[in-house]
Amino acid sequence: MNSTVIRCLVSRAGSIVGLFNMDMVFVSENPHVVFEGKAKPGCGEKSVHLVALDPDLLEPLPGLGEITFLYRVPVEDPRSFTPTYVPVSSYSSC
């Protein structure tokens, strides 16, 4: 899976929270921005949320090192505001 870094505005619940450098991956040749979740207690693995991007809204950014594109519209963060509480016994395996 190919990846690169893009610069994009991120929103939550419709409000802009900031301008971030984010990982972008291509799934079946379609660009997606990557949002990482928190690791489960006792596990090193983090959940990953992918948000599909419109390739027509990616603008090349030459000369900015690892940042290769700017996304022209805000991307909505898909992660939940509310943590999900699960009994510790549910985390016995990853």
Protein backbone atom coordinates (compact mmCIF):
# COMPACT_ATOMS: atom_id res chain seq x y z
CA MET A 1 0.00 0.00 0.00
CA ASN A 2 1.52 3.33 -1.08
CA SER A 3 1.47 6.21 1.39
CA THR A 4 2.41 9.87 1.45
CA VAL A 5 1.82 12.92 3.66
CA ILE A 6 -0.76 15.59 2.92
CA ARG A 7 -1.69 18.88 4.59
CA CYS A 8 -5.40 19.33 5.28
CA LEU A 9 -7.91 21.08 7.48
CA VAL A 10 -9.63 18.74 9.92
CA SER A 11 -13.11 19.29 11.31
CA ARG A 12 -15.04 17.62 14.13
CA ALA A 13 -18.80 17.98 14.45
CA GLY A 14 -18.68 20.56 11.65
CA SER A 15 -16.11 22.86 13.32
CA ILE A 16 -12.55 23.31 12.06
CA VAL A 17 -10.05 22.08 14.67
CA GLY A 18 -6.86 22.87 12.77
CA LEU A 19 -4.49 22.36 9.88
CA PHE A 20 -2.64 19.05 10.10
CA ASN A 21 -0.10 16.97 8.23
CA MET A 22 -1.77 13.58 7.76
CA ASP A 23 -0.85 10.23 6.24
CA MET A 24 -2.59 9.46 2.96
CA VAL A 25 -2.84 5.93 1.56
CA PHE A 26 -4.20 4.60 -1.68
CA VAL A 27 -6.81 1.84 -1.49
CA SER A 28 -7.67 0.43 -4.93
CA GLU A 29 -5.94 3.51 -6.40
CA ASN A 30 -8.26 5.88 -4.46
CA PRO A 31 -6.74 8.31 -1.91
CA HIS A 32 -7.75 8.06 1.76
CA VAL A 33 -6.57 10.08 4.76
CA VAL A 34 -5.62 8.06 7.87
CA PHE A 35 -6.90 8.86 11.37
CA GLU A 36 -5.38 6.76 14.18
CA GLY A 37 -7.36 5.81 17.23
CA LYS A 38 -6.09 4.94 20.70
CA ALA A 39 -4.54 1.58 21.44
CA LYS A 40 -6.55 -0.91 23.46
CA PRO A 41 -5.23 -1.40 27.00
CA GLY A 42 -2.69 -4.21 26.96
CA CYS A 43 -2.29 -4.09 23.17
CA GLY A 44 0.15 -2.19 21.04
CA GLU A 45 -2.24 -1.99 18.11
CA LYS A 46 -4.18 1.18 17.32
CA SER A 47 -7.43 1.35 15.45
CA VAL A 48 -7.27 3.04 12.07
CA HIS A 49 -10.01 5.05 10.40
CA LEU A 50 -9.81 5.84 6.68
CA VAL A 51 -11.68 8.70 5.03
CA ALA A 52 -11.98 8.66 1.23
CA LEU A 53 -10.76 11.79 -0.54
CA ASP A 54 -11.80 13.29 -3.86
CA PRO A 55 -8.64 13.14 -6.03
CA ASP A 56 -9.76 16.29 -7.88
CA LEU A 57 -9.36 18.27 -4.63
CA LEU A 58 -5.71 17.27 -4.10
CA GLU A 59 -3.29 20.04 -5.03
CA PRO A 60 0.41 19.15 -5.47
CA LEU A 61 2.79 20.93 -3.06
CA PRO A 62 6.26 20.77 -4.61
CA GLY A 63 9.23 21.68 -2.44
CA LEU A 64 7.71 20.97 1.01
CA GLY A 65 9.74 17.85 1.76
CA GLU A 66 7.56 14.92 2.83
CA ILE A 67 4.30 16.88 2.34
CA THR A 68 3.25 16.19 -1.22
CA PHE A 69 -0.35 17.46 -1.44
CA LEU A 70 -2.78 19.98 0.01
CA TYR A 71 -6.42 18.91 0.28
CA ARG A 72 -8.62 21.88 -0.59
CA VAL A 73 -11.63 21.15 1.67
CA PRO A 74 -11.84 20.14 5.35
CA VAL A 75 -11.85 16.44 6.20
CA GLU A 76 -14.30 15.34 8.91
CA ASP A 77 -12.62 13.36 11.71
CA PRO A 78 -14.57 10.07 11.95
CA ARG A 79 -13.39 9.19 15.46
CA SER A 80 -15.91 9.22 18.27
CA PHE A 81 -15.87 12.03 20.86
CA THR A 82 -16.99 9.60 23.54
CA PRO A 83 -14.59 6.88 24.61
CA THR A 84 -16.08 3.42 24.59
CA TYR A 85 -15.73 1.84 28.00
CA VAL A 86 -15.37 -1.91 27.91
CA PRO A 87 -14.67 -4.09 30.97
CA VAL A 88 -10.99 -4.94 31.34
CA SER A 89 -11.79 -8.65 30.99
CA SER A 90 -12.91 -7.93 27.40
CA TYR A 91 -9.34 -6.96 26.51
CA SER A 92 -7.81 -10.33 27.22
CA SER A 93 -6.86 -10.70 23.55
CA CYS A 94 -5.93 -8.18 20.88
